[in-house]
Amino acid sequence: MRGNIQVLETGNQRMVSLDLQSKLLQDNIIMIADEIDTESVTDYQTQLFYLMSKLQSGDIITLYINSPGGSVLDGLGLYDTIQLIKQKGIIIRTVNVGSACSMASIILMSGSEGYRESTANSSVLIHEVSAWWMGKTPDLLDQAEEIKRLQTVLDGIISKHSDSKLIELCKRKDLWLNAEDALKYHIIDKIL
């Protein structure tokens, strides 16, 4: 999160200054607004594991998403963390508040069923795994196999959390969806 915005809280005749991210964390809220990469995912996982340690089954963690997406491997780590927390009975509410692109769309659809939401003017982008690598032929062939493996994993996640028709729709080109389309394809459960 850019900047270091401070929030002043008063109570019991004292004033405390908190950075905004810490204040949101107190309310079980995490903002996913950066590119999904090793650094950002480590921050999100740390926050999620902290909340998991203090919450009980039936409690809700809200993930507000406005992200361009990013690394599939790092994003899968975040996806797996969300699944672990859901197994503890904690509800993961995902809310698209701008755009959930690429790997961020996978995070959006991975929320707890009935708790996946979008604002009216938000967008979702889904596409196949892409990469730009250079190297020797054997290395490129190995990398192509890894891309195929990752695409199979993502196809399974899409089938599990939304309409499997999306897999074919995004094979030819990037698939942009508005909030109504995201609802139609079961990426979200409700438009706010």
N, C-alpha and C. Protein backbone atom coordinates (compact mmCIF):
# COMPACT_ATOMS: atom_id res chain seq x y z
N MET A 1 0.85 -1.17 0.00
CA MET A 1 0.00 0.00 0.00
C MET A 1 0.90 1.23 0.00
N ARG A 2 0.64 2.14 -0.91
CA ARG A 2 1.48 3.33 -1.04
C ARG A 2 1.26 4.28 0.12
N GLY A 3 2.34 4.96 0.47
CA GLY A 3 2.24 5.97 1.51
C GLY A 3 2.11 5.35 2.88
N ASN A 4 2.17 6.20 3.86
CA ASN A 4 2.04 5.75 5.24
C ASN A 4 0.97 6.61 5.90
N ILE A 5 -0.27 6.36 5.57
CA ILE A 5 -1.38 7.14 6.09
C ILE A 5 -1.62 6.75 7.54
N GLN A 6 -1.72 7.75 8.40
CA GLN A 6 -1.91 7.52 9.83
C GLN A 6 -3.36 7.81 10.22
N VAL A 7 -3.87 7.04 11.14
CA VAL A 7 -5.21 7.20 11.69
C VAL A 7 -5.06 7.41 13.19
N LEU A 8 -5.72 8.44 13.71
CA LEU A 8 -5.69 8.69 15.15
C LEU A 8 -6.92 8.07 15.79
N GLU A 9 -6.70 7.29 16.83
CA GLU A 9 -7.79 6.69 17.59
C GLU A 9 -7.73 7.20 19.01
N THR A 10 -8.88 7.53 19.56
CA THR A 10 -8.92 7.99 20.94
C THR A 10 -9.79 7.04 21.75
N GLY A 11 -9.46 6.92 23.00
CA GLY A 11 -10.21 6.08 23.91
C GLY A 11 -9.48 5.98 25.23
N ASN A 12 -10.24 5.88 26.31
CA ASN A 12 -9.66 5.77 27.64
C ASN A 12 -8.62 6.85 27.91
N GLN A 13 -8.94 8.07 27.51
CA GLN A 13 -8.11 9.25 27.75
C GLN A 13 -6.72 9.13 27.14
N ARG A 14 -6.62 8.44 26.00
CA ARG A 14 -5.34 8.38 25.31
C ARG A 14 -5.59 8.40 23.81
N MET A 15 -4.56 8.79 23.08
CA MET A 15 -4.64 8.86 21.63
C MET A 15 -3.54 7.97 21.05
N VAL A 16 -3.92 7.14 20.08
CA VAL A 16 -2.98 6.22 19.46
C VAL A 16 -2.96 6.50 17.96
N SER A 17 -1.77 6.51 17.38
CA SER A 17 -1.62 6.69 15.95
C SER A 17 -1.31 5.33 15.32
N LEU A 18 -2.13 4.94 14.35
CA LEU A 18 -1.93 3.67 13.63
C LEU A 18 -1.80 3.96 12.15
N ASP A 19 -0.97 3.18 11.45
CA ASP A 19 -1.00 3.30 10.00
C ASP A 19 -2.30 2.67 9.53
N LEU A 20 -2.78 3.14 8.40
CA LEU A 20 -4.10 2.74 7.91
C LEU A 20 -4.19 1.23 7.69
N GLN A 21 -3.12 0.62 7.20
CA GLN A 21 -3.13 -0.84 6.97
C GLN A 21 -3.35 -1.59 8.29
N SER A 22 -2.72 -1.14 9.37
CA SER A 22 -2.91 -1.78 10.69
C SER A 22 -4.32 -1.58 11.18
N LYS A 23 -4.89 -0.40 10.94
CA LYS A 23 -6.26 -0.13 11.36
C LYS A 23 -7.23 -1.06 10.62
N LEU A 24 -7.02 -1.22 9.31
CA LEU A 24 -7.88 -2.12 8.54
C LEU A 24 -7.74 -3.56 9.04
N LEU A 25 -6.51 -3.96 9.36
CA LEU A 25 -6.26 -5.31 9.85
C LEU A 25 -7.00 -5.56 11.17
N GLN A 26 -7.11 -4.53 12.01
CA GLN A 26 -7.89 -4.67 13.25
C GLN A 26 -9.34 -5.02 12.96
N ASP A 27 -9.83 -4.56 11.80
CA ASP A 27 -11.21 -4.83 11.40
C ASP A 27 -11.32 -6.03 10.44
N ASN A 28 -10.25 -6.85 10.40
CA ASN A 28 -10.21 -8.06 9.56
C ASN A 28 -10.33 -7.75 8.08
N ILE A 29 -9.70 -6.64 7.64
CA ILE A 29 -9.74 -6.20 6.25
C ILE A 29 -8.32 -6.16 5.70
N ILE A 30 -8.17 -6.72 4.49
CA ILE A 30 -6.91 -6.66 3.76
C ILE A 30 -7.19 -6.09 2.39
N MET A 31 -6.38 -5.13 1.95
CA MET A 31 -6.53 -4.53 0.63
C MET A 31 -5.48 -5.11 -0.30
N ILE A 32 -5.93 -5.81 -1.33
CA ILE A 32 -5.03 -6.36 -2.35
C ILE A 32 -5.04 -5.38 -3.52
N ALA A 33 -4.04 -4.50 -3.54
CA ALA A 33 -4.04 -3.42 -4.53
C ALA A 33 -2.72 -3.31 -5.27
N ASP A 34 -1.86 -4.26 -5.12
CA ASP A 34 -0.57 -4.23 -5.79
C ASP A 34 -0.50 -5.34 -6.82
N GLU A 35 0.58 -5.32 -7.59
CA GLU A 35 0.86 -6.44 -8.47
C GLU A 35 1.11 -7.67 -7.59
N ILE A 36 0.62 -8.80 -8.03
CA ILE A 36 0.82 -10.04 -7.28
C ILE A 36 2.22 -10.56 -7.59
N ASP A 37 3.09 -10.43 -6.59
CA ASP A 37 4.46 -10.90 -6.73
C ASP A 37 4.90 -11.45 -5.37
N THR A 38 6.13 -11.90 -5.28
CA THR A 38 6.60 -12.53 -4.05
C THR A 38 6.47 -11.61 -2.85
N GLU A 39 6.85 -10.36 -3.00
CA GLU A 39 6.81 -9.43 -1.87
C GLU A 39 5.38 -9.14 -1.41
N SER A 40 4.50 -8.81 -2.35
CA SER A 40 3.13 -8.49 -1.95
C SER A 40 2.41 -9.71 -1.39
N VAL A 41 2.60 -10.88 -2.00
CA VAL A 41 1.94 -12.09 -1.51
C VAL A 41 2.43 -12.45 -0.12
N THR A 42 3.72 -12.28 0.14
CA THR A 42 4.24 -12.54 1.48
C THR A 42 3.56 -11.63 2.50
N ASP A 43 3.36 -10.36 2.14
CA ASP A 43 2.64 -9.43 3.03
C ASP A 43 1.19 -9.90 3.26
N TYR A 44 0.50 -10.28 2.18
CA TYR A 44 -0.90 -10.73 2.31
C TYR A 44 -0.98 -12.01 3.13
N GLN A 45 -0.08 -12.95 2.87
CA GLN A 45 -0.08 -14.21 3.63
C GLN A 45 0.19 -13.95 5.11
N THR A 46 1.12 -13.07 5.40
CA THR A 46 1.42 -12.74 6.80
C THR A 46 0.19 -12.18 7.50
N GLN A 47 -0.50 -11.27 6.83
CA GLN A 47 -1.72 -10.69 7.40
C GLN A 47 -2.80 -11.75 7.58
N LEU A 48 -2.96 -12.61 6.58
CA LEU A 48 -3.98 -13.67 6.66
C LEU A 48 -3.68 -14.65 7.79
N PHE A 49 -2.43 -15.07 7.92
CA PHE A 49 -2.08 -16.00 9.00
C PHE A 49 -2.25 -15.34 10.37
N TYR A 50 -1.95 -14.05 10.48
CA TYR A 50 -2.18 -13.34 11.73
C TYR A 50 -3.67 -13.36 12.07
N LEU A 51 -4.52 -13.02 11.09
CA LEU A 51 -5.96 -13.02 11.35
C LEU A 51 -6.46 -14.42 11.67
N MET A 52 -5.95 -15.44 10.97
CA MET A 52 -6.37 -16.81 11.24
C MET A 52 -6.06 -17.19 12.69
N SER A 53 -4.94 -16.69 13.22
CA SER A 53 -4.55 -17.06 14.58
C SER A 53 -5.45 -16.43 15.64
N LYS A 54 -6.16 -15.36 15.28
CA LYS A 54 -7.00 -14.69 16.28
C LYS A 54 -8.51 -14.87 16.04
N LEU A 55 -8.88 -15.43 14.89
CA LEU A 55 -10.30 -15.57 14.57
C LEU A 55 -10.77 -17.00 14.80
N GLN A 56 -12.10 -17.13 14.86
CA GLN A 56 -12.72 -18.43 15.06
C GLN A 56 -13.60 -18.78 13.87
N SER A 57 -14.01 -20.01 13.82
CA SER A 57 -14.91 -20.47 12.77
C SER A 57 -16.14 -19.56 12.73
N GLY A 58 -16.52 -19.15 11.52
CA GLY A 58 -17.68 -18.28 11.34
C GLY A 58 -17.32 -16.80 11.26
N ASP A 59 -16.10 -16.44 11.70
CA ASP A 59 -15.65 -15.05 11.57
C ASP A 59 -15.33 -14.77 10.10
N ILE A 60 -15.29 -13.48 9.75
CA ILE A 60 -15.10 -13.08 8.35
C ILE A 60 -13.83 -12.25 8.19
N ILE A 61 -13.05 -12.59 7.17
CA ILE A 61 -11.94 -11.76 6.70
C ILE A 61 -12.38 -11.21 5.34
N THR A 62 -12.25 -9.89 5.15
CA THR A 62 -12.62 -9.27 3.88
C THR A 62 -11.37 -8.89 3.10
N LEU A 63 -11.31 -9.36 1.86
CA LEU A 63 -10.23 -9.00 0.94
C LEU A 63 -10.82 -8.07 -0.12
N TYR A 64 -10.44 -6.80 -0.08
CA TYR A 64 -10.83 -5.86 -1.13
C TYR A 64 -9.78 -5.94 -2.22
N ILE A 65 -10.21 -6.12 -3.47
CA ILE A 65 -9.28 -6.38 -4.57
C ILE A 65 -9.39 -5.29 -5.63
N ASN A 66 -8.25 -4.71 -5.98
CA ASN A 66 -8.11 -3.81 -7.12
C ASN A 66 -6.68 -3.99 -7.61
N SER A 67 -6.45 -5.06 -8.36
CA SER A 67 -5.09 -5.48 -8.69
C SER A 67 -4.95 -5.83 -10.17
N PRO A 68 -3.77 -5.51 -10.74
CA PRO A 68 -3.51 -5.88 -12.13
C PRO A 68 -3.12 -7.34 -12.29
N GLY A 69 -3.07 -8.09 -11.19
CA GLY A 69 -2.64 -9.49 -11.28
C GLY A 69 -1.12 -9.57 -11.22
N GLY A 70 -0.59 -10.65 -11.73
CA GLY A 70 0.86 -10.82 -11.69
C GLY A 70 1.26 -12.28 -11.76
N SER A 71 2.22 -12.64 -10.95
CA SER A 71 2.85 -13.96 -10.98
C SER A 71 1.86 -15.08 -10.62
N VAL A 72 1.76 -16.07 -11.51
CA VAL A 72 0.90 -17.22 -11.25
C VAL A 72 1.42 -18.01 -10.04
N LEU A 73 2.72 -18.25 -9.99
CA LEU A 73 3.28 -19.04 -8.89
C LEU A 73 3.03 -18.36 -7.54
N ASP A 74 3.27 -17.06 -7.45
CA ASP A 74 3.02 -16.35 -6.20
C ASP A 74 1.52 -16.32 -5.90
N GLY A 75 0.72 -16.10 -6.93
CA GLY A 75 -0.73 -16.06 -6.74
C GLY A 75 -1.28 -17.39 -6.26
N LEU A 76 -0.72 -18.49 -6.74
CA LEU A 76 -1.17 -19.80 -6.26
C LEU A 76 -0.84 -19.99 -4.78
N GLY A 77 0.26 -19.40 -4.33
CA GLY A 77 0.58 -19.43 -2.90
C GLY A 77 -0.48 -18.70 -2.08
N LEU A 78 -0.94 -17.56 -2.60
CA LEU A 78 -2.01 -16.81 -1.92
C LEU A 78 -3.32 -17.59 -1.97
N TYR A 79 -3.62 -18.17 -3.13
CA TYR A 79 -4.82 -19.00 -3.27
C TYR A 79 -4.82 -20.14 -2.25
N ASP A 80 -3.69 -20.85 -2.13
CA ASP A 80 -3.60 -21.97 -1.19
C ASP A 80 -3.78 -21.49 0.26
N THR A 81 -3.23 -20.33 0.58
CA THR A 81 -3.39 -19.77 1.92
C THR A 81 -4.87 -19.51 2.22
N ILE A 82 -5.57 -18.95 1.25
CA ILE A 82 -7.01 -18.69 1.41
C ILE A 82 -7.76 -20.00 1.65
N GLN A 83 -7.40 -21.05 0.89
CA GLN A 83 -8.07 -22.34 1.07
C GLN A 83 -7.80 -22.92 2.45
N LEU A 84 -6.58 -22.78 2.96
CA LEU A 84 -6.26 -23.26 4.32
C LEU A 84 -7.12 -22.56 5.36
N ILE A 85 -7.28 -21.26 5.20
CA ILE A 85 -8.05 -20.49 6.18
C ILE A 85 -9.53 -20.87 6.10
N LYS A 86 -10.04 -21.08 4.90
CA LYS A 86 -11.44 -21.51 4.75
C LYS A 86 -11.66 -22.87 5.40
N GLN A 87 -10.66 -23.75 5.36
CA GLN A 87 -10.78 -25.07 6.00
C GLN A 87 -10.95 -24.94 7.51
N LYS A 88 -10.51 -23.84 8.09
CA LYS A 88 -10.67 -23.60 9.53
C LYS A 88 -12.07 -23.06 9.85
N GLY A 89 -12.90 -22.90 8.82
CA GLY A 89 -14.26 -22.39 9.04
C GLY A 89 -14.35 -20.88 9.01
N ILE A 90 -13.25 -20.21 8.76
CA ILE A 90 -13.26 -18.75 8.65
C ILE A 90 -13.74 -18.38 7.25
N ILE A 91 -14.64 -17.42 7.18
CA ILE A 91 -15.22 -17.00 5.91
C ILE A 91 -14.30 -15.97 5.26
N ILE A 92 -14.00 -16.19 3.99
CA ILE A 92 -13.21 -15.24 3.22
C ILE A 92 -14.16 -14.51 2.27
N ARG A 93 -14.38 -13.22 2.56
CA ARG A 93 -15.21 -12.37 1.71
C ARG A 93 -14.27 -11.66 0.73
N THR A 94 -14.52 -11.81 -0.57
CA THR A 94 -13.73 -11.11 -1.58
C THR A 94 -14.61 -10.07 -2.26
N VAL A 95 -14.07 -8.86 -2.43
CA VAL A 95 -14.84 -7.77 -3.03
C VAL A 95 -13.98 -7.09 -4.09
N ASN A 96 -14.45 -7.11 -5.33
CA ASN A 96 -13.77 -6.42 -6.42
C ASN A 96 -14.18 -4.95 -6.38
N VAL A 97 -13.22 -4.07 -6.13
CA VAL A 97 -13.52 -2.64 -6.01
C VAL A 97 -12.81 -1.84 -7.11
N GLY A 98 -12.64 -2.42 -8.26
CA GLY A 98 -11.97 -1.75 -9.37
C GLY A 98 -11.75 -2.74 -10.48
N SER A 99 -10.61 -3.42 -10.41
CA SER A 99 -10.35 -4.47 -11.40
C SER A 99 -9.66 -5.64 -10.72
N ALA A 100 -10.08 -6.81 -11.10
CA ALA A 100 -9.44 -8.05 -10.65
C ALA A 100 -8.95 -8.72 -11.92
N CYS A 101 -7.68 -8.46 -12.24
CA CYS A 101 -7.12 -8.92 -13.52
C CYS A 101 -6.23 -10.13 -13.31
N SER A 102 -6.29 -11.03 -14.27
CA SER A 102 -5.36 -12.14 -14.33
C SER A 102 -5.40 -12.93 -13.02
N MET A 103 -4.30 -13.03 -12.31
CA MET A 103 -4.25 -13.82 -11.07
C MET A 103 -5.18 -13.26 -10.00
N ALA A 104 -5.43 -11.95 -10.02
CA ALA A 104 -6.36 -11.36 -9.06
C ALA A 104 -7.78 -11.85 -9.28
N SER A 105 -8.13 -12.23 -10.51
CA SER A 105 -9.46 -12.78 -10.77
C SER A 105 -9.61 -14.14 -10.09
N ILE A 106 -8.51 -14.89 -10.05
CA ILE A 106 -8.53 -16.20 -9.37
C ILE A 106 -8.74 -15.99 -7.87
N ILE A 107 -8.10 -14.98 -7.30
CA ILE A 107 -8.27 -14.67 -5.87
C ILE A 107 -9.71 -14.24 -5.62
N LEU A 108 -10.28 -13.42 -6.51
CA LEU A 108 -11.67 -12.98 -6.35
C LEU A 108 -12.62 -14.17 -6.30
N MET A 109 -12.48 -15.08 -7.23
CA MET A 109 -13.42 -16.22 -7.29
C MET A 109 -13.18 -17.25 -6.19
N SER A 110 -12.03 -17.16 -5.51
CA SER A 110 -11.69 -18.17 -4.50
C SER A 110 -12.28 -17.87 -3.12
N GLY A 111 -12.99 -16.76 -2.99
CA GLY A 111 -13.62 -16.44 -1.71
C GLY A 111 -14.69 -17.46 -1.35
N SER A 112 -15.19 -17.35 -0.14
CA SER A 112 -16.23 -18.28 0.32
C SER A 112 -17.50 -18.06 -0.48
N GLU A 113 -18.12 -19.16 -0.88
CA GLU A 113 -19.34 -19.07 -1.68
C GLU A 113 -20.40 -18.27 -0.92
N GLY A 114 -21.03 -17.35 -1.65
CA GLY A 114 -22.01 -16.45 -1.06
C GLY A 114 -21.41 -15.15 -0.56
N TYR A 115 -20.07 -15.09 -0.52
CA TYR A 115 -19.36 -13.91 -0.01
C TYR A 115 -18.41 -13.32 -1.05
N ARG A 116 -18.65 -13.58 -2.32
CA ARG A 116 -17.83 -13.03 -3.40
C ARG A 116 -18.63 -11.92 -4.05
N GLU A 117 -18.10 -10.70 -4.01
CA GLU A 117 -18.89 -9.54 -4.40
C GLU A 117 -18.10 -8.61 -5.32
N SER A 118 -18.83 -7.68 -5.93
CA SER A 118 -18.21 -6.70 -6.82
C SER A 118 -19.01 -5.41 -6.77
N THR A 119 -18.30 -4.30 -6.88
CA THR A 119 -19.01 -3.04 -7.07
C THR A 119 -19.52 -3.00 -8.51
N ALA A 120 -20.48 -2.16 -8.76
CA ALA A 120 -21.19 -2.16 -10.04
C ALA A 120 -20.30 -1.89 -11.25
N ASN A 121 -19.27 -1.08 -11.10
CA ASN A 121 -18.45 -0.70 -12.25
C ASN A 121 -17.09 -1.38 -12.28
N SER A 122 -16.94 -2.46 -11.55
CA SER A 122 -15.68 -3.20 -11.54
C SER A 122 -15.56 -4.10 -12.76
N SER A 123 -14.31 -4.46 -13.07
CA SER A 123 -14.03 -5.34 -14.21
C SER A 123 -13.20 -6.54 -13.76
N VAL A 124 -13.33 -7.61 -14.53
CA VAL A 124 -12.56 -8.83 -14.30
C VAL A 124 -11.88 -9.18 -15.63
N LEU A 125 -10.60 -9.55 -15.56
CA LEU A 125 -9.88 -10.03 -16.74
C LEU A 125 -9.38 -11.43 -16.47
N ILE A 126 -9.72 -12.35 -17.36
CA ILE A 126 -9.24 -13.73 -17.27
C ILE A 126 -8.55 -14.06 -18.58
N HIS A 127 -7.40 -14.70 -18.48
CA HIS A 127 -6.70 -15.14 -19.69
C HIS A 127 -5.83 -16.34 -19.35
N GLU A 128 -5.31 -16.96 -20.39
CA GLU A 128 -4.43 -18.11 -20.18
C GLU A 128 -3.08 -17.64 -19.63
N VAL A 129 -2.34 -18.56 -19.08
CA VAL A 129 -1.00 -18.27 -18.57
C VAL A 129 -0.15 -17.75 -19.72
N SER A 130 0.59 -16.69 -19.45
CA SER A 130 1.50 -16.17 -20.47
C SER A 130 2.89 -16.01 -19.87
N ALA A 131 3.87 -15.99 -20.74
CA ALA A 131 5.25 -15.84 -20.28
C ALA A 131 6.10 -15.27 -21.40
N TRP A 132 7.21 -14.69 -21.02
CA TRP A 132 8.17 -14.19 -21.98
C TRP A 132 9.54 -14.63 -21.51
N TRP A 133 10.01 -15.72 -22.09
CA TRP A 133 11.29 -16.28 -21.68
C TRP A 133 12.23 -16.34 -22.87
N MET A 134 13.51 -16.34 -22.56
CA MET A 134 14.54 -16.53 -23.57
C MET A 134 15.49 -17.59 -23.04
N GLY A 135 16.15 -18.27 -23.94
CA GLY A 135 17.11 -19.27 -23.50
C GLY A 135 17.35 -20.32 -24.55
N LYS A 136 18.00 -21.37 -24.14
CA LYS A 136 18.30 -22.48 -25.05
C LYS A 136 17.05 -23.32 -25.25
N THR A 137 17.01 -24.02 -26.36
CA THR A 137 15.83 -24.80 -26.73
C THR A 137 15.39 -25.77 -25.63
N PRO A 138 16.28 -26.56 -25.02
CA PRO A 138 15.82 -27.48 -23.97
C PRO A 138 15.17 -26.74 -22.79
N ASP A 139 15.74 -25.58 -22.44
CA ASP A 139 15.16 -24.80 -21.34
C ASP A 139 13.78 -24.27 -21.71
N LEU A 140 13.64 -23.79 -22.95
CA LEU A 140 12.35 -23.27 -23.40
C LEU A 140 11.29 -24.38 -23.44
N LEU A 141 11.70 -25.58 -23.83
CA LEU A 141 10.75 -26.70 -23.85
C LEU A 141 10.31 -27.06 -22.43
N ASP A 142 11.24 -27.03 -21.47
CA ASP A 142 10.89 -27.27 -20.07
C ASP A 142 9.93 -26.19 -19.55
N GLN A 143 10.21 -24.95 -19.93
CA GLN A 143 9.35 -23.85 -19.49
C GLN A 143 7.95 -23.97 -20.11
N ALA A 144 7.88 -24.41 -21.35
CA ALA A 144 6.58 -24.62 -21.99
C ALA A 144 5.78 -25.69 -21.25
N GLU A 145 6.46 -26.75 -20.82
CA GLU A 145 5.79 -27.80 -20.04
C GLU A 145 5.26 -27.24 -18.71
N GLU A 146 6.04 -26.37 -18.09
CA GLU A 146 5.60 -25.76 -16.82
C GLU A 146 4.39 -24.87 -17.05
N ILE A 147 4.36 -24.13 -18.14
CA ILE A 147 3.19 -23.30 -18.46
C ILE A 147 1.96 -24.17 -18.66
N LYS A 148 2.11 -25.29 -19.35
CA LYS A 148 0.99 -26.21 -19.54
C LYS A 148 0.49 -26.75 -18.20
N ARG A 149 1.43 -27.08 -17.30
CA ARG A 149 1.05 -27.59 -15.99
C ARG A 149 0.29 -26.52 -15.20
N LEU A 150 0.80 -25.28 -15.22
CA LEU A 150 0.14 -24.20 -14.50
C LEU A 150 -1.24 -23.91 -15.07
N GLN A 151 -1.37 -23.99 -16.41
CA GLN A 151 -2.68 -23.76 -17.02
C GLN A 151 -3.68 -24.83 -16.58
N THR A 152 -3.23 -26.07 -16.46
CA THR A 152 -4.10 -27.15 -15.98
C THR A 152 -4.55 -26.87 -14.55
N VAL A 153 -3.63 -26.39 -13.72
CA VAL A 153 -3.97 -26.05 -12.32
C VAL A 153 -5.01 -24.92 -12.31
N LEU A 154 -4.77 -23.86 -13.09
CA LEU A 154 -5.72 -22.74 -13.12
C LEU A 154 -7.07 -23.16 -13.68
N ASP A 155 -7.08 -24.00 -14.71
CA ASP A 155 -8.35 -24.49 -15.26
C ASP A 155 -9.14 -25.23 -14.18
N GLY A 156 -8.46 -26.02 -13.36
CA GLY A 156 -9.13 -26.73 -12.27
C GLY A 156 -9.71 -25.77 -11.24
N ILE A 157 -8.98 -24.71 -10.93
CA ILE A 157 -9.47 -23.71 -9.97
C ILE A 157 -10.68 -22.99 -10.53
N ILE A 158 -10.61 -22.59 -11.81
CA ILE A 158 -11.74 -21.91 -12.44
C ILE A 158 -12.97 -22.82 -12.43
N SER A 159 -12.79 -24.09 -12.77
CA SER A 159 -13.92 -25.04 -12.78
C SER A 159 -14.52 -25.21 -11.38
N LYS A 160 -13.66 -25.19 -10.37
CA LYS A 160 -14.12 -25.39 -9.00
C LYS A 160 -14.92 -24.19 -8.47
N HIS A 161 -14.50 -22.98 -8.82
CA HIS A 161 -15.06 -21.78 -8.20
C HIS A 161 -15.98 -20.97 -9.10
N SER A 162 -16.13 -21.33 -10.37
CA SER A 162 -16.98 -20.54 -11.27
C SER A 162 -17.50 -21.44 -12.38
N ASP A 163 -17.97 -20.84 -13.44
CA ASP A 163 -18.51 -21.56 -14.59
C ASP A 163 -17.36 -22.07 -15.45
N SER A 164 -17.31 -23.36 -15.69
CA SER A 164 -16.20 -23.94 -16.46
C SER A 164 -16.18 -23.44 -17.92
N LYS A 165 -17.25 -22.82 -18.39
CA LYS A 165 -17.27 -22.25 -19.75
C LYS A 165 -16.19 -21.17 -19.90
N LEU A 166 -15.79 -20.56 -18.79
CA LEU A 166 -14.77 -19.52 -18.85
C LEU A 166 -13.46 -20.04 -19.41
N ILE A 167 -13.17 -21.30 -19.18
CA ILE A 167 -11.90 -21.88 -19.65
C ILE A 167 -11.80 -21.79 -21.17
N GLU A 168 -12.87 -22.14 -21.86
CA GLU A 168 -12.86 -22.06 -23.32
C GLU A 168 -12.95 -20.62 -23.81
N LEU A 169 -13.71 -19.78 -23.10
CA LEU A 169 -13.88 -18.39 -23.54
C LEU A 169 -12.58 -17.60 -23.52
N CYS A 170 -11.67 -17.93 -22.62
CA CYS A 170 -10.43 -17.15 -22.53
C CYS A 170 -9.26 -17.80 -23.28
N LYS A 171 -9.50 -18.88 -24.00
CA LYS A 171 -8.42 -19.55 -24.74
C LYS A 171 -7.99 -18.76 -25.98
N ARG A 172 -8.91 -18.08 -26.62
CA ARG A 172 -8.59 -17.38 -27.86
C ARG A 172 -8.02 -15.99 -27.60
N LYS A 173 -8.49 -15.32 -26.53
CA LYS A 173 -8.04 -13.95 -26.27
C LYS A 173 -8.36 -13.59 -24.83
N ASP A 174 -7.87 -12.44 -24.41
CA ASP A 174 -8.20 -11.95 -23.07
C ASP A 174 -9.71 -11.80 -22.95
N LEU A 175 -10.25 -12.21 -21.82
CA LEU A 175 -11.69 -12.15 -21.60
C LEU A 175 -11.98 -11.09 -20.53
N TRP A 176 -12.53 -9.97 -20.96
CA TRP A 176 -12.92 -8.89 -20.04
C TRP A 176 -14.39 -9.06 -19.68
N LEU A 177 -14.69 -8.98 -18.40
CA LEU A 177 -16.07 -9.12 -17.92
C LEU A 177 -16.42 -7.93 -17.04
N ASN A 178 -17.65 -7.42 -17.21
CA ASN A 178 -18.14 -6.41 -16.27
C ASN A 178 -18.77 -7.13 -15.08
N ALA A 179 -19.29 -6.39 -14.14
CA ALA A 179 -19.83 -7.00 -12.92
C ALA A 179 -20.99 -7.95 -13.23
N GLU A 180 -21.85 -7.57 -14.17
CA GLU A 180 -22.98 -8.44 -14.53
C GLU A 180 -22.50 -9.76 -15.13
N ASP A 181 -21.48 -9.68 -15.99
CA ASP A 181 -20.93 -10.90 -16.58
C ASP A 181 -20.24 -11.76 -15.51
N ALA A 182 -19.54 -11.11 -14.59
CA ALA A 182 -18.88 -11.85 -13.50
C ALA A 182 -19.92 -12.60 -12.67
N LEU A 183 -21.07 -11.99 -12.47
CA LEU A 183 -22.17 -12.65 -11.75
C LEU A 183 -22.73 -13.81 -12.58
N LYS A 184 -22.92 -13.57 -13.87
CA LYS A 184 -23.46 -14.59 -14.79
C LYS A 184 -22.57 -15.85 -14.80
N TYR A 185 -21.25 -15.65 -14.77
CA TYR A 185 -20.32 -16.79 -14.82
C TYR A 185 -19.89 -17.28 -13.43
N HIS A 186 -20.58 -16.83 -12.41
CA HIS A 186 -20.38 -17.30 -11.02
C HIS A 186 -18.99 -17.01 -10.46
N ILE A 187 -18.36 -15.95 -10.96
CA ILE A 187 -17.10 -15.51 -10.37
C ILE A 187 -17.41 -14.80 -9.06
N ILE A 188 -18.54 -14.10 -9.05
CA ILE A 188 -19.03 -13.43 -7.85
C ILE A 188 -20.44 -13.92 -7.57
N ASP A 189 -20.93 -13.62 -6.36
CA ASP A 189 -22.27 -14.02 -5.96
C ASP A 189 -23.24 -12.83 -5.87
N LYS A 190 -22.67 -11.61 -5.88
CA LYS A 190 -23.52 -10.45 -5.65
C LYS A 190 -22.83 -9.19 -6.16
N ILE A 191 -23.64 -8.26 -6.72
CA ILE A 191 -23.14 -6.94 -7.11
C ILE A 191 -23.60 -5.96 -6.03
N LEU A 192 -22.66 -5.19 -5.51
CA LEU A 192 -22.98 -4.24 -4.45
C LEU A 192 -23.57 -2.97 -5.05
